[in-house]
């Protein structure tokens, strides 16, 4: 595996369509797998030193760990509704079973504390409409600080209507200082057809230069640097899952690129895109 843009299928391992560990990413904290199960199929694996979430991308499943079984209703696809999810701790043995088959994201983070197995109801997921105008997007903050307790892991998902830009203004979180935290980040994409684009760029001291044409199942790794925009092509809605973790306090503190930070100040004078919210716990278009 080379580079920061990982195309769909290039990290496949058995039932895992995607498997990015900290070792594969050549960093220390963040990981992501995507498990694909046929109807009636199960997968069993240890969590090791990583806490983990089970987030249905398509379909539902049962998650068993520590003698506890959690039924996840899931969703038809990522554009259908906000989903429920499960948390499983480090040093656990997990079994995931899907009666009707499906695809399940497993965001993970290396951690030290062992927390309890828990269910995250879809109805409790905070849905945020961020930005305005052509920068409007929906953020489902299912496992962000203040929304759901983890030791190190931060995860959310973003829905961007066709033609809009998100992850904008470009921002970074790669320094430990006031107003900024150090977080390794993974972007995983699914699209309603077509293509999208992701930009990542660095500084003279810490260079990185990515302009990726992304499709469903692709990943972009962000070890450092300014990232954004994530661009949804006209005609095609964009979904991405963000997975973050780092060495310090579990906090999402970012710094905007000073060259573009002014854009955020224009949002107060623009309406939010009327296509939002795209989804809720009740389904697409329901509020």
C-alpha atoms as a PDB file:
ATOM      1  CA  UNK A   1       0.000   0.000   0.000  1.00  0.00           C
ATOM      2  CA  UNK A   2       1.591   3.263  -1.078  1.00  0.00           C
ATOM      3  CA  UNK A   3       0.472   6.864  -1.102  1.00  0.00           C
ATOM      4  CA  UNK A   4      -2.417   8.546   0.667  1.00  0.00           C
ATOM      5  CA  UNK A   5      -5.239   7.690  -1.765  1.00  0.00           C
ATOM      6  CA  UNK A   6      -6.248   4.034  -1.441  1.00  0.00           C
ATOM      7  CA  UNK A   7      -8.561   2.837  -4.187  1.00  0.00           C
ATOM      8  CA  UNK A   8     -11.435   0.476  -3.455  1.00  0.00           C
ATOM      9  CA  UNK A   9     -10.304  -3.144  -3.249  1.00  0.00           C
ATOM     10  CA  UNK A  10      -6.588  -2.485  -2.793  1.00  0.00           C
ATOM     11  CA  UNK A  11      -6.609  -3.383   0.929  1.00  0.00           C
ATOM     12  CA  UNK A  12      -9.133  -6.247   0.772  1.00  0.00           C
ATOM     13  CA  UNK A  13      -8.588  -9.172   3.190  1.00  0.00           C
ATOM     14  CA  UNK A  14     -11.140 -11.983   3.016  1.00  0.00           C
ATOM     15  CA  UNK A  15     -14.538 -10.659   4.161  1.00  0.00           C
ATOM     16  CA  UNK A  16     -13.012  -7.224   4.734  1.00  0.00           C
ATOM     17  CA  UNK A  17     -13.392  -5.080   1.624  1.00  0.00           C
ATOM     18  CA  UNK A  18     -11.168  -2.503   3.335  1.00  0.00           C
ATOM     19  CA  UNK A  19      -8.642  -2.954   6.125  1.00  0.00           C
ATOM     20  CA  UNK A  20      -6.499  -0.002   7.194  1.00  0.00           C
ATOM     21  CA  UNK A  21      -4.601  -0.506  10.448  1.00  0.00           C
ATOM     22  CA  UNK A  22      -2.255   2.037  12.056  1.00  0.00           C
ATOM     23  CA  UNK A  23       0.625  -0.130  10.875  1.00  0.00           C
ATOM     24  CA  UNK A  24      -0.579  -0.069   7.267  1.00  0.00           C
ATOM     25  CA  UNK A  25      -1.170   3.669   7.417  1.00  0.00           C
ATOM     26  CA  UNK A  26       2.298   4.134   8.975  1.00  0.00           C
ATOM     27  CA  UNK A  27       0.976   6.040  11.953  1.00  0.00           C
ATOM     28  CA  UNK A  28      -0.067   5.248  15.543  1.00  0.00           C
ATOM     29  CA  UNK A  29      -3.771   5.616  16.351  1.00  0.00           C
ATOM     30  CA  UNK A  30      -6.532   5.541  13.712  1.00  0.00           C
ATOM     31  CA  UNK A  31      -7.895   2.538  11.809  1.00  0.00           C
ATOM     32  CA  UNK A  32     -10.850   1.536   9.661  1.00  0.00           C
ATOM     33  CA  UNK A  33     -12.187  -1.701   8.241  1.00  0.00           C
ATOM     34  CA  UNK A  34     -15.264  -2.366   6.106  1.00  0.00           C
ATOM     35  CA  UNK A  35     -16.787  -5.824   6.582  1.00  0.00           C
ATOM     36  CA  UNK A  36     -18.960  -7.397   3.872  1.00  0.00           C
ATOM     37  CA  UNK A  37     -21.227 -10.289   4.869  1.00  0.00           C
ATOM     38  CA  UNK A  38     -23.456 -12.454   2.693  1.00  0.00           C
ATOM     39  CA  UNK A  39     -26.944 -13.348   4.007  1.00  0.00           C
ATOM     40  CA  UNK A  40     -26.596 -15.476   7.140  1.00  0.00           C
ATOM     41  CA  UNK A  41     -22.813 -15.046   7.260  1.00  0.00           C
ATOM     42  CA  UNK A  42     -20.819 -14.222  10.422  1.00  0.00           C
ATOM     43  CA  UNK A  43     -17.350 -12.851  11.137  1.00  0.00           C
ATOM     44  CA  UNK A  44     -15.439 -13.244  14.410  1.00  0.00           C
ATOM     45  CA  UNK A  45     -12.326 -11.285  15.381  1.00  0.00           C
ATOM     46  CA  UNK A  46     -10.504  -9.853  18.421  1.00  0.00           C
ATOM     47  CA  UNK A  47     -10.310  -6.093  18.958  1.00  0.00           C
ATOM     48  CA  UNK A  48      -6.835  -6.298  20.490  1.00  0.00           C
ATOM     49  CA  UNK A  49      -5.644  -2.899  21.718  1.00  0.00           C
ATOM     50  CA  UNK A  50      -8.264  -1.015  19.684  1.00  0.00           C
ATOM     51  CA  UNK A  51     -11.714   0.248  20.656  1.00  0.00           C
ATOM     52  CA  UNK A  52     -14.145  -0.032  17.775  1.00  0.00           C
ATOM     53  CA  UNK A  53     -17.564   0.942  16.448  1.00  0.00           C
ATOM     54  CA  UNK A  54     -19.836  -1.141  14.229  1.00  0.00           C
ATOM     55  CA  UNK A  55     -21.600   1.262  11.845  1.00  0.00           C
ATOM     56  CA  UNK A  56     -23.974  -0.219   9.226  1.00  0.00           C
ATOM     57  CA  UNK A  57     -23.384   1.199   5.761  1.00  0.00           C
ATOM     58  CA  UNK A  58     -25.953  -1.116   4.161  1.00  0.00           C
ATOM     59  CA  UNK A  59     -28.039  -3.728   5.969  1.00  0.00           C
ATOM     60  CA  UNK A  60     -28.437  -4.715   9.605  1.00  0.00           C
ATOM     61  CA  UNK A  61     -26.594  -7.104  11.898  1.00  0.00           C
ATOM     62  CA  UNK A  62     -26.202  -8.533  15.384  1.00  0.00           C
ATOM     63  CA  UNK A  63     -23.057  -7.650  17.338  1.00  0.00           C
ATOM     64  CA  UNK A  64     -21.950  -9.930  20.205  1.00  0.00           C
ATOM     65  CA  UNK A  65     -19.153  -9.088  22.673  1.00  0.00           C
ATOM     66  CA  UNK A  66     -18.574  -9.674  26.406  1.00  0.00           C
ATOM     67  CA  UNK A  67     -21.728 -11.803  26.627  1.00  0.00           C
ATOM     68  CA  UNK A  68     -23.864  -8.917  25.300  1.00  0.00           C
ATOM     69  CA  UNK A  69     -25.743  -9.046  21.983  1.00  0.00           C
ATOM     70  CA  UNK A  70     -26.851  -5.862  20.208  1.00  0.00           C
ATOM     71  CA  UNK A  71     -29.255  -5.837  17.269  1.00  0.00           C
ATOM     72  CA  UNK A  72     -28.515  -3.088  14.755  1.00  0.00           C
ATOM     73  CA  UNK A  73     -31.400  -2.148  12.470  1.00  0.00           C
ATOM     74  CA  UNK A  74     -29.008  -0.422  10.082  1.00  0.00           C
ATOM     75  CA  UNK A  75     -30.167   1.128   6.817  1.00  0.00           C
ATOM     76  CA  UNK A  76     -30.643   0.411   3.136  1.00  0.00           C
ATOM     77  CA  UNK A  77     -27.623   2.590   2.253  1.00  0.00           C
ATOM     78  CA  UNK A  78     -25.791   5.635   3.607  1.00  0.00           C
ATOM     79  CA  UNK A  79     -28.214   8.024   1.894  1.00  0.00           C
ATOM     80  CA  UNK A  80     -31.340   6.340   3.327  1.00  0.00           C
ATOM     81  CA  UNK A  81     -31.221   7.323   7.018  1.00  0.00           C
ATOM     82  CA  UNK A  82     -29.092   8.022  10.056  1.00  0.00           C
ATOM     83  CA  UNK A  83     -28.141   4.611  11.450  1.00  0.00           C
ATOM     84  CA  UNK A  84     -27.832   3.071  14.887  1.00  0.00           C
ATOM     85  CA  UNK A  85     -24.428   1.632  15.838  1.00  0.00           C
ATOM     86  CA  UNK A  86     -22.555  -0.366  18.481  1.00  0.00           C
ATOM     87  CA  UNK A  87     -19.407   0.229  20.535  1.00  0.00           C
ATOM     88  CA  UNK A  88     -17.064  -2.642  21.409  1.00  0.00           C
ATOM     89  CA  UNK A  89     -14.012  -2.232  23.667  1.00  0.00           C
ATOM     90  CA  UNK A  90     -10.372  -3.161  23.369  1.00  0.00           C
ATOM     91  CA  UNK A  91      -9.380  -6.692  24.457  1.00  0.00           C
ATOM     92  CA  UNK A  92     -12.722  -8.053  23.281  1.00  0.00           C
ATOM     93  CA  UNK A  93     -13.845 -10.914  21.058  1.00  0.00           C
ATOM     94  CA  UNK A  94     -16.503  -9.769  18.594  1.00  0.00           C
ATOM     95  CA  UNK A  95     -18.931 -11.746  16.444  1.00  0.00           C
ATOM     96  CA  UNK A  96     -20.961  -9.920  13.782  1.00  0.00           C
ATOM     97  CA  UNK A  97     -23.824 -11.780  12.101  1.00  0.00           C
ATOM     98  CA  UNK A  98     -26.039 -10.424   9.328  1.00  0.00           C
ATOM     99  CA  UNK A  99     -29.253 -12.364   8.588  1.00  0.00           C
ATOM    100  CA  UNK A 100     -29.826 -10.572   5.276  1.00  0.00           C
ATOM    101  CA  UNK A 101     -26.247  -9.568   4.461  1.00  0.00           C
ATOM    102  CA  UNK A 102     -24.704  -6.140   4.421  1.00  0.00           C
ATOM    103  CA  UNK A 103     -21.686  -3.871   4.618  1.00  0.00           C
ATOM    104  CA  UNK A 104     -20.423  -2.543   7.950  1.00  0.00           C
ATOM    105  CA  UNK A 105     -17.796   0.087   8.765  1.00  0.00           C
ATOM    106  CA  UNK A 106     -15.542  -0.585  11.764  1.00  0.00           C
ATOM    107  CA  UNK A 107     -13.830   2.690  12.780  1.00  0.00           C
ATOM    108  CA  UNK A 108     -11.155   2.007  15.403  1.00  0.00           C
ATOM    109  CA  UNK A 109      -8.525   3.640  17.579  1.00  0.00           C
ATOM    110  CA  UNK A 110      -5.633   2.330  19.632  1.00  0.00           C
ATOM    111  CA  UNK A 111      -6.523   3.146  23.235  1.00  0.00           C
ATOM    112  CA  UNK A 112      -5.689   2.445  26.880  1.00  0.00           C
ATOM    113  CA  UNK A 113      -9.017   2.401  28.752  1.00  0.00           C
ATOM    114  CA  UNK A 114     -11.449  -0.491  28.406  1.00  0.00           C
ATOM    115  CA  UNK A 115     -15.017   0.837  28.283  1.00  0.00           C
ATOM    116  CA  UNK A 116     -18.272  -1.147  28.205  1.00  0.00           C
ATOM    117  CA  UNK A 117     -20.150  -2.568  25.227  1.00  0.00           C
ATOM    118  CA  UNK A 118     -22.923  -0.107  24.313  1.00  0.00           C
ATOM    119  CA  UNK A 119     -25.723   0.560  21.827  1.00  0.00           C
ATOM    120  CA  UNK A 120     -26.007   3.902  20.025  1.00  0.00           C
ATOM    121  CA  UNK A 121     -29.626   4.568  18.958  1.00  0.00           C
ATOM    122  CA  UNK A 122     -30.118   6.401  15.677  1.00  0.00           C
ATOM    123  CA  UNK A 123     -32.538   8.774  17.410  1.00  0.00           C
ATOM    124  CA  UNK A 124     -29.727   9.971  19.721  1.00  0.00           C
ATOM    125  CA  UNK A 125     -27.297  10.898  16.931  1.00  0.00           C
ATOM    126  CA  UNK A 126     -26.865  14.714  16.794  1.00  0.00           C
ATOM    127  CA  UNK A 127     -27.469  15.940  13.239  1.00  0.00           C
ATOM    128  CA  UNK A 128     -25.726  19.218  12.413  1.00  0.00           C
ATOM    129  CA  UNK A 129     -26.210  21.396   9.334  1.00  0.00           C
ATOM    130  CA  UNK A 130     -22.825  23.001   8.799  1.00  0.00           C
ATOM    131  CA  UNK A 131     -21.948  25.837   6.445  1.00  0.00           C
ATOM    132  CA  UNK A 132     -24.286  27.665   4.054  1.00  0.00           C
ATOM    133  CA  UNK A 133     -24.886  28.185   0.360  1.00  0.00           C
ATOM    134  CA  UNK A 134     -22.659  25.958  -1.772  1.00  0.00           C
ATOM    135  CA  UNK A 135     -20.699  25.000   1.379  1.00  0.00           C
ATOM    136  CA  UNK A 136     -23.780  23.465   3.049  1.00  0.00           C
ATOM    137  CA  UNK A 137     -23.504  19.889   4.328  1.00  0.00           C
ATOM    138  CA  UNK A 138     -24.997  17.572   6.930  1.00  0.00           C
ATOM    139  CA  UNK A 139     -22.832  16.125   9.698  1.00  0.00           C
ATOM    140  CA  UNK A 140     -24.054  13.118  11.695  1.00  0.00           C
ATOM    141  CA  UNK A 141     -22.020  13.383  14.901  1.00  0.00           C
ATOM    142  CA  UNK A 142     -22.630   9.831  16.144  1.00  0.00           C
ATOM    143  CA  UNK A 143     -19.290   9.419  17.974  1.00  0.00           C
ATOM    144  CA  UNK A 144     -17.858  12.881  18.476  1.00  0.00           C
ATOM    145  CA  UNK A 145     -16.795  14.258  21.883  1.00  0.00           C
ATOM    146  CA  UNK A 146     -19.895  15.187  23.856  1.00  0.00           C
ATOM    147  CA  UNK A 147     -22.139  12.930  21.769  1.00  0.00           C
ATOM    148  CA  UNK A 148     -20.830   9.446  22.637  1.00  0.00           C
ATOM    149  CA  UNK A 149     -18.133   8.298  25.050  1.00  0.00           C
ATOM    150  CA  UNK A 150     -14.979   6.642  23.704  1.00  0.00           C
ATOM    151  CA  UNK A 151     -11.421   6.623  25.001  1.00  0.00           C
ATOM    152  CA  UNK A 152      -9.626   7.944  21.901  1.00  0.00           C
ATOM    153  CA  UNK A 153     -11.907   7.388  18.899  1.00  0.00           C
ATOM    154  CA  UNK A 154     -13.745  10.231  17.157  1.00  0.00           C
ATOM    155  CA  UNK A 155     -16.039   9.435  14.223  1.00  0.00           C
ATOM    156  CA  UNK A 156     -18.757  11.188  12.239  1.00  0.00           C
ATOM    157  CA  UNK A 157     -20.272  11.019   8.771  1.00  0.00           C
ATOM    158  CA  UNK A 158     -20.903  13.841   6.315  1.00  0.00           C
ATOM    159  CA  UNK A 159     -23.522  14.098   3.557  1.00  0.00           C
ATOM    160  CA  UNK A 160     -22.800  16.678   0.874  1.00  0.00           C
ATOM    161  CA  UNK A 161     -25.487  17.502  -1.718  1.00  0.00           C
ATOM    162  CA  UNK A 162     -24.479  17.273  -5.366  1.00  0.00           C
ATOM    163  CA  UNK A 163     -22.406  20.247  -6.482  1.00  0.00           C
ATOM    164  CA  UNK A 164     -21.476  21.417  -2.969  1.00  0.00           C
ATOM    165  CA  UNK A 165     -18.111  21.648  -1.226  1.00  0.00           C
ATOM    166  CA  UNK A 166     -17.529  20.371   2.315  1.00  0.00           C
ATOM    167  CA  UNK A 167     -14.517  20.130   4.617  1.00  0.00           C
ATOM    168  CA  UNK A 168     -14.211  23.786   3.742  1.00  0.00           C
ATOM    169  CA  UNK A 169     -12.505  26.138   4.519  1.00  0.00           C
ATOM    170  CA  UNK A 170      -9.439  23.861   4.475  1.00  0.00           C
ATOM    171  CA  UNK A 171      -8.350  23.067   8.003  1.00  0.00           C
ATOM    172  CA  UNK A 172      -5.792  21.013   9.895  1.00  0.00           C
ATOM    173  CA  UNK A 173      -5.277  19.319  13.259  1.00  0.00           C
ATOM    174  CA  UNK A 174      -1.656  18.259  13.448  1.00  0.00           C
ATOM    175  CA  UNK A 175      -0.167  20.405  16.223  1.00  0.00           C
ATOM    176  CA  UNK A 176      -0.619  20.262  19.993  1.00  0.00           C
ATOM    177  CA  UNK A 177      -1.336  23.880  20.856  1.00  0.00           C
ATOM    178  CA  UNK A 178      -4.185  26.067  22.032  1.00  0.00           C
ATOM    179  CA  UNK A 179      -7.090  25.741  19.618  1.00  0.00           C
ATOM    180  CA  UNK A 180      -5.657  22.710  17.817  1.00  0.00           C
ATOM    181  CA  UNK A 181      -5.248  19.010  18.596  1.00  0.00           C
ATOM    182  CA  UNK A 182      -3.218  16.251  16.947  1.00  0.00           C
ATOM    183  CA  UNK A 183      -5.494  13.795  15.118  1.00  0.00           C
ATOM    184  CA  UNK A 184      -4.732  11.275  12.375  1.00  0.00           C
ATOM    185  CA  UNK A 185      -7.725  11.143  10.034  1.00  0.00           C
ATOM    186  CA  UNK A 186      -9.231   8.690   7.567  1.00  0.00           C
ATOM    187  CA  UNK A 187     -11.812   9.674   4.948  1.00  0.00           C
ATOM    188  CA  UNK A 188     -13.922   6.810   3.530  1.00  0.00           C
ATOM    189  CA  UNK A 189     -16.221   7.673   0.588  1.00  0.00           C
ATOM    190  CA  UNK A 190     -19.479   6.433  -0.884  1.00  0.00           C
ATOM    191  CA  UNK A 191     -21.178   8.224  -3.752  1.00  0.00           C
ATOM    192  CA  UNK A 192     -24.594   8.239  -5.335  1.00  0.00           C
ATOM    193  CA  UNK A 193     -22.819   7.413  -8.619  1.00  0.00           C
ATOM    194  CA  UNK A 194     -20.148   9.400 -10.399  1.00  0.00           C
ATOM    195  CA  UNK A 195     -17.007  10.836  -8.862  1.00  0.00           C
ATOM    196  CA  UNK A 196     -15.880  13.322  -6.223  1.00  0.00           C
ATOM    197  CA  UNK A 197     -12.590  15.014  -5.336  1.00  0.00           C
ATOM    198  CA  UNK A 198     -10.490  15.440  -2.198  1.00  0.00           C
ATOM    199  CA  UNK A 199      -7.709  17.966  -1.652  1.00  0.00           C
ATOM    200  CA  UNK A 200      -4.949  17.703   0.986  1.00  0.00           C
ATOM    201  CA  UNK A 201      -1.897  19.980   1.101  1.00  0.00           C
ATOM    202  CA  UNK A 202       0.843  20.739   3.601  1.00  0.00           C
ATOM    203  CA  UNK A 203       3.451  23.299   4.551  1.00  0.00           C
ATOM    204  CA  UNK A 204       7.087  23.660   3.569  1.00  0.00           C
ATOM    205  CA  UNK A 205       8.030  22.007   6.857  1.00  0.00           C
ATOM    206  CA  UNK A 206       5.526  19.130   6.528  1.00  0.00           C
ATOM    207  CA  UNK A 207       4.727  18.661   2.829  1.00  0.00           C
ATOM    208  CA  UNK A 208       1.834  16.603   1.504  1.00  0.00           C
ATOM    209  CA  UNK A 209       0.118  17.077  -1.855  1.00  0.00           C
ATOM    210  CA  UNK A 210      -3.039  15.127  -2.733  1.00  0.00           C
ATOM    211  CA  UNK A 211      -5.733  15.903  -5.281  1.00  0.00           C
ATOM    212  CA  UNK A 212      -7.652  12.640  -5.529  1.00  0.00           C
ATOM    213  CA  UNK A 213     -10.542  11.669  -7.780  1.00  0.00           C
ATOM    214  CA  UNK A 214     -12.463   9.433  -5.370  1.00  0.00           C
ATOM    215  CA  UNK A 215     -15.180   6.847  -5.961  1.00  0.00           C
ATOM    216  CA  UNK A 216     -17.265   4.602  -3.701  1.00  0.00           C
ATOM    217  CA  UNK A 217     -15.060   2.505  -1.439  1.00  0.00           C
ATOM    218  CA  UNK A 218     -11.978   4.736  -1.742  1.00  0.00           C
ATOM    219  CA  UNK A 219     -10.044   6.066   1.239  1.00  0.00           C
ATOM    220  CA  UNK A 220      -7.784   9.087   1.726  1.00  0.00           C
ATOM    221  CA  UNK A 221      -5.334   9.078   4.642  1.00  0.00           C
ATOM    222  CA  UNK A 222      -4.511  12.413   6.284  1.00  0.00           C
ATOM    223  CA  UNK A 223      -1.505  12.173   8.612  1.00  0.00           C
ATOM    224  CA  UNK A 224      -1.083  15.963   8.664  1.00  0.00           C
ATOM    225  CA  UNK A 225      -1.712  19.074   6.608  1.00  0.00           C
ATOM    226  CA  UNK A 226      -4.610  21.200   5.442  1.00  0.00           C
ATOM    227  CA  UNK A 227      -7.506  19.122   4.105  1.00  0.00           C
ATOM    228  CA  UNK A 228     -10.444  20.339   2.099  1.00  0.00           C
ATOM    229  CA  UNK A 229     -12.405  20.835   0.106  1.00  0.00           C
ATOM    230  CA  UNK A 230     -14.242  17.556  -0.370  1.00  0.00           C
ATOM    231  CA  UNK A 231     -16.039  18.259  -3.640  1.00  0.00           C
ATOM    232  CA  UNK A 232     -19.299  16.616  -4.725  1.00  0.00           C
ATOM    233  CA  UNK A 233     -19.623  16.685  -8.507  1.00  0.00           C
ATOM    234  CA  UNK A 234     -22.869  18.135  -9.913  1.00  0.00           C
ATOM    235  CA  UNK A 235     -25.511  15.425 -10.157  1.00  0.00           C
ATOM    236  CA  UNK A 236     -23.997  13.141  -7.495  1.00  0.00           C
ATOM    237  CA  UNK A 237     -24.413  13.311  -3.725  1.00  0.00           C
ATOM    238  CA  UNK A 238     -21.312  12.564  -1.619  1.00  0.00           C
ATOM    239  CA  UNK A 239     -21.012  10.619   1.638  1.00  0.00           C
ATOM    240  CA  UNK A 240     -17.858  10.281   3.671  1.00  0.00           C
ATOM    241  CA  UNK A 241     -17.028   8.734   7.023  1.00  0.00           C
ATOM    242  CA  UNK A 242     -14.386  10.495   9.124  1.00  0.00           C
ATOM    243  CA  UNK A 243     -12.292   8.489  11.610  1.00  0.00           C
ATOM    244  CA  UNK A 244      -9.898  10.345  13.917  1.00  0.00           C
ATOM    245  CA  UNK A 245      -7.662   9.577  16.888  1.00  0.00           C
ATOM    246  CA  UNK A 246      -4.491  10.963  18.388  1.00  0.00           C
ATOM    247  CA  UNK A 247      -2.168  10.926  21.383  1.00  0.00           C
ATOM    248  CA  UNK A 248      -3.733  13.669  23.457  1.00  0.00           C
ATOM    249  CA  UNK A 249      -7.119  14.613  24.847  1.00  0.00           C
ATOM    250  CA  UNK A 250     -10.105  13.315  22.879  1.00  0.00           C
ATOM    251  CA  UNK A 251     -11.027  16.646  21.330  1.00  0.00           C
ATOM    252  CA  UNK A 252     -11.664  17.898  17.786  1.00  0.00           C
ATOM    253  CA  UNK A 253      -9.890  21.250  17.653  1.00  0.00           C
ATOM    254  CA  UNK A 254      -9.011  22.594  14.213  1.00  0.00           C
ATOM    255  CA  UNK A 255      -7.182  25.493  12.620  1.00  0.00           C
ATOM    256  CA  UNK A 256      -8.480  26.976   9.348  1.00  0.00           C
ATOM    257  CA  UNK A 257      -6.003  27.819   6.595  1.00  0.00           C
ATOM    258  CA  UNK A 258      -5.573  31.592   7.163  1.00  0.00           C
ATOM    259  CA  UNK A 259      -5.740  32.189   3.409  1.00  0.00           C
ATOM    260  CA  UNK A 260      -9.311  30.892   3.270  1.00  0.00           C
ATOM    261  CA  UNK A 261     -10.675  31.336   6.793  1.00  0.00           C
ATOM    262  CA  UNK A 262     -12.657  34.399   5.708  1.00  0.00           C
ATOM    263  CA  UNK A 263     -15.100  32.153   3.836  1.00  0.00           C
ATOM    264  CA  UNK A 264     -16.578  30.951   7.133  1.00  0.00           C
ATOM    265  CA  UNK A 265     -17.636  34.546   7.881  1.00  0.00           C
ATOM    266  CA  UNK A 266     -19.838  34.685   4.791  1.00  0.00           C
ATOM    267  CA  UNK A 267     -22.173  31.925   5.924  1.00  0.00           C
ATOM    268  CA  UNK A 268     -24.224  34.166   8.205  1.00  0.00           C
ATOM    269  CA  UNK A 269     -25.501  36.002   5.109  1.00  0.00           C
ATOM    270  CA  UNK A 270     -26.402  32.903   3.067  1.00  0.00           C
ATOM    271  CA  UNK A 271     -29.226  30.381   3.452  1.00  0.00           C
ATOM    272  CA  UNK A 272     -28.497  26.730   4.141  1.00  0.00           C
ATOM    273  CA  UNK A 273     -28.987  24.552   1.069  1.00  0.00           C
ATOM    274  CA  UNK A 274     -32.725  23.643   1.019  1.00  0.00           C
ATOM    275  CA  UNK A 275     -31.848  20.024   0.157  1.00  0.00           C
ATOM    276  CA  UNK A 276     -30.685  19.627   3.768  1.00  0.00           C
ATOM    277  CA  UNK A 277     -31.152  17.756   5.965  1.00  0.00           C
ATOM    278  CA  UNK A 278     -30.868  14.848   3.544  1.00  0.00           C
ATOM    279  CA  UNK A 279     -31.507  12.186   6.192  1.00  0.00           C
ATOM    280  CA  UNK A 280     -32.627  11.641   9.770  1.00  0.00           C
ATOM    281  CA  UNK A 281     -33.262   8.644  11.996  1.00  0.00           C
ATOM    282  CA  UNK A 282     -36.720   8.492  10.387  1.00  0.00           C
ATOM    283  CA  UNK A 283     -35.396   8.285   6.841  1.00  0.00           C
ATOM    284  CA  UNK A 284     -34.379  10.343   3.824  1.00  0.00           C
ATOM    285  CA  UNK A 285     -36.103  13.701   3.681  1.00  0.00           C
ATOM    286  CA  UNK A 286     -37.843  13.213   7.065  1.00  0.00           C
ATOM    287  CA  UNK A 287     -37.247  15.713   9.870  1.00  0.00           C
END
